[in-house]
Protein backbone atom coordinates (compact mmCIF):
# COMPACT_ATOMS: atom_id res chain seq x y z
CA PHE A 1 142.00 68.05 132.56
CA SER A 2 138.93 66.34 134.22
CA ALA A 3 135.22 66.56 134.07
CA PHE A 4 132.25 65.90 136.29
CA ASP A 5 128.59 65.70 135.26
CA ALA A 6 126.68 68.03 137.61
CA THR A 7 123.46 67.26 135.59
CA ASP A 8 120.34 67.13 137.60
CA LEU A 9 121.50 67.17 141.25
CA TYR A 10 119.46 67.11 144.24
CA GLY A 11 116.29 67.04 142.27
CA LEU A 12 117.11 70.34 140.36
CA LYS A 13 117.59 70.99 136.78
CA THR A 14 121.27 72.13 137.29
CA ARG A 15 122.57 72.76 133.62
CA GLY A 16 122.15 75.47 131.60
CA TYR A 17 124.85 78.09 132.67
CA PHE A 18 126.17 81.42 131.34
CA GLY A 19 129.48 82.17 133.26
CA ALA A 20 130.66 81.35 136.79
CA VAL A 21 132.33 83.37 139.36
CA PHE A 22 134.87 82.90 142.25
CA ASP A 23 134.41 84.00 145.90
CA GLY A 24 137.76 82.73 147.21
CA ARG A 25 136.45 79.30 148.00
CA TYR A 26 133.19 78.63 146.10
CA VAL A 27 132.48 78.70 142.18
CA TYR A 28 129.24 80.00 141.39
CA PHE A 29 127.79 79.10 138.19
CA VAL A 30 125.10 81.64 136.63
CA PRO A 31 121.81 80.23 135.66
CA GLU A 32 120.46 81.09 132.29
CA GLN A 33 118.73 78.42 130.00
CA HIS A 34 118.31 75.27 130.43
CA GLY A 35 115.96 74.12 127.29
CA GLU A 36 112.48 73.49 128.93
CA GLU A 37 110.05 74.39 126.20
CA ASN A 38 107.79 75.77 128.62
CA LYS A 39 110.16 77.63 130.78
CA PRO A 40 113.64 77.66 129.10
CA THR A 41 115.31 79.98 131.54
CA HIS A 42 116.03 79.30 134.88
CA GLY A 43 117.53 80.35 138.39
CA VAL A 44 118.98 77.28 139.73
CA VAL A 45 122.35 78.52 141.25
CA LEU A 46 125.17 75.57 141.04
CA ARG A 47 128.04 75.96 143.69
CA TYR A 48 131.30 74.10 144.05
CA ASP A 49 133.11 73.95 146.95
CA THR A 50 136.90 74.13 145.89
CA HIS A 51 137.90 72.54 149.07
CA GLY A 52 136.29 68.96 147.93
CA ALA A 53 137.01 66.64 145.20
CA PHE A 54 136.19 68.05 141.89
CA THR A 55 134.40 64.56 140.93
CA ASP A 56 132.32 64.05 144.22
CA LYS A 57 128.89 65.08 143.90
CA SER A 58 129.04 66.19 147.77
CA SER A 59 131.29 69.06 146.68
CA TYR A 60 128.25 70.26 144.93
CA SER A 61 125.16 72.18 146.10
CA ALA A 62 122.39 73.88 144.29
CA TYR A 63 119.59 76.77 145.19
CA ASP A 64 116.49 77.66 143.38
CA ALA A 65 116.56 81.39 143.28
CA GLY A 66 113.83 81.66 140.66
CA CYS A 67 111.58 83.51 142.62
CA THR A 68 113.29 85.98 145.28
CA ASP A 69 111.46 88.95 146.99
CA SER A 70 108.65 87.91 144.99
CA LEU A 71 110.52 88.64 141.61
CA ASP A 72 110.82 86.09 138.75
CA THR A 73 114.15 86.09 139.14
CA ARG A 74 115.26 83.82 136.00
CA GLY A 75 117.98 83.90 133.09
CA PHE A 76 121.20 85.56 134.26
CA TYR A 77 124.04 86.17 132.19
CA GLY A 78 127.94 86.35 134.29
CA ALA A 79 128.37 87.35 137.63
CA VAL A 80 130.50 89.67 139.86
CA PHE A 81 131.74 89.19 143.68
CA ASP A 82 132.41 92.21 145.22
CA GLY A 83 134.30 90.65 148.49
CA ARG A 84 131.04 89.76 150.30
CA TYR A 85 128.12 89.61 147.59
CA VAL A 86 127.92 87.65 144.54
CA TYR A 87 125.72 89.58 141.90
CA PHE A 88 124.15 87.98 139.09
CA VAL A 89 123.59 89.58 135.85
CA PRO A 90 120.29 89.95 134.58
CA ARG A 91 119.43 88.89 130.98
CA GLN A 92 115.95 87.46 130.13
CA LEU A 93 112.92 86.00 130.95
CA ASP A 94 112.20 83.06 128.79
CA MET A 95 111.85 84.12 125.26
CA VAL A 96 109.67 86.61 125.90
CA GLU A 97 111.32 89.89 127.09
CA TYR A 98 114.73 90.85 128.72
CA HIS A 99 115.00 92.00 132.30
CA SER A 100 117.10 93.95 134.84
CA ARG A 101 116.45 92.09 137.94
CA ILE A 102 119.60 92.23 139.87
CA LEU A 103 120.12 88.80 142.03
CA ARG A 104 122.45 89.31 145.06
CA TYR A 105 123.79 86.24 147.54
CA ASP A 106 125.14 87.36 150.68
CA THR A 107 128.20 84.62 151.13
CA ARG A 108 127.95 85.26 155.00
CA GLY A 109 124.65 83.44 154.96
CA SER A 110 123.92 79.87 154.41
CA PHE A 111 123.78 78.99 150.64
CA ASP A 112 120.11 77.28 150.97
CA ASP A 113 118.66 79.80 153.09
CA ALA A 114 116.16 82.37 151.28
CA GLY A 115 117.24 85.21 153.63
CA SER A 116 120.77 85.27 151.89
CA TRP A 117 119.19 86.15 148.89
CA VAL A 118 117.75 89.63 147.66
CA ALA A 119 116.59 90.75 144.38
CA ARG A 120 115.89 94.43 142.68
CA ASP A 121 114.39 95.42 139.68
CA VAL A 122 116.09 98.32 137.87
CA GLY A 123 113.12 98.79 135.75
CA GLU A 124 114.84 98.27 132.42
CA LYS A 125 114.08 96.23 129.30
CA HIS A 126 117.38 95.20 127.97
CA SER A 127 119.61 92.55 128.45
CA GLN A 128 122.80 92.85 130.46
CA GLN A 129 125.67 90.60 129.11
CA SER A 130 128.24 90.21 132.06
CA ALA A 131 129.55 92.99 134.31
CA ALA A 132 132.71 94.52 135.76
CA PHE A 133 133.29 95.75 139.28
CA ASP A 134 135.95 98.36 139.99
CA GLY A 135 135.92 98.09 143.54
CA ARG A 136 133.02 100.32 144.24
CA TYR A 137 130.69 100.25 141.28
CA ILE A 138 129.35 97.33 139.18
CA TYR A 139 129.05 97.90 135.17
CA PHE A 140 126.53 96.23 133.39
CA CYS A 141 127.27 95.69 129.89
CA PRO A 142 124.49 96.18 127.45
CA GLY A 143 123.35 93.90 125.09
CA PHE A 144 120.03 93.67 123.09
CA SER A 145 116.61 95.07 123.56
CA GLY A 146 113.52 94.52 121.28
CA ASP A 147 112.65 91.13 120.64
CA PRO A 148 114.58 88.22 122.65
CA LYS A 149 113.75 85.73 119.66
CA LEU A 150 115.19 87.85 116.94
CA GLU A 151 118.31 89.65 119.05
CA ASP A 152 118.15 92.26 116.17
CA GLU A 153 118.19 95.52 118.32
CA TYR A 154 121.67 96.52 119.92
CA CYS A 155 121.37 98.42 123.37
CA GLY A 156 123.67 100.78 124.70
CA ARG A 157 122.15 101.53 128.06
CA VAL A 158 125.17 100.76 130.85
CA ILE A 159 123.61 100.23 133.95
CA ARG A 160 125.76 101.43 137.09
CA LEU A 161 125.18 99.79 140.66
CA ASP A 162 126.92 101.55 143.64
CA THR A 163 127.68 98.60 146.24
CA GLN A 164 128.20 100.95 149.11
CA GLY A 165 124.78 102.31 148.73
CA ASP A 166 121.50 100.78 149.91
CA PHE A 167 120.89 97.84 147.33
CA ASN A 168 117.11 98.29 147.38
CA SER A 169 117.10 101.92 147.14
CA PRO A 170 116.48 103.40 143.29
CA ALA A 171 119.56 106.13 144.25
CA SER A 172 121.98 103.43 144.10
CA SER A 173 121.70 102.82 140.43
CA THR A 174 121.72 104.87 137.51
CA SER A 175 122.19 104.33 133.55
CA LEU A 176 122.66 106.20 130.55
CA ASP A 177 122.97 105.27 126.98
CA ILE A 178 126.62 105.53 125.85
CA SER A 179 125.42 104.97 122.13
CA GLU A 180 123.71 108.62 122.31
CA PHE A 181 126.99 110.18 122.29
CA LEU A 182 129.82 107.64 121.01
CA GLY A 183 127.77 106.42 118.20
CA PRO A 184 125.21 103.62 117.28
CA GLU A 185 128.29 101.39 117.34
CA CYS A 186 128.88 101.61 120.95
CA ALA A 187 126.12 98.91 121.87
CA CYS A 188 125.83 95.25 122.68
CA PHE A 189 128.86 94.38 124.53
CA ASP A 190 129.51 90.81 125.91
CA GLY A 191 131.85 91.31 128.92
CA GLY A 192 133.55 93.89 130.70
């Protein structure tokens, strides 16, 4: 085992991550919370280049994607890689509301170029907690609805995104509440 403290790199608060994803070379750490009282969630993506030394600061880079396409894109929970794009799973903004703003990074673009990043709001107010990719569709696992401070309302709404569709088109995603036909116990998942 080895460890490296990647906290506060390059003038950014690079701490507080919920999950990571690998694209064949880079590991992307998913931004969630860093504990700041006035703005506890964040959008600073930390990336580690596996071709570099694990304990070398230069093997790491960071990008603040917290405002992408004029959307507040903070607070994620897991990510998936489809062979080209990394999709960050939306969870919550601060402790005020859940969101469904999907953040996407094009691995063919420069990591620190805003043009490599896009975001889209699916328009639902519940948390997603990780996701699974089947080769075409991404299934976002439902978590909670209601008050994020309480986390006492379970949600069964699965969002499905067609990665072969236009990312920005509402037609590329759909959702349904599986608890409506499978029962109230089929809600609040923590991975897929």
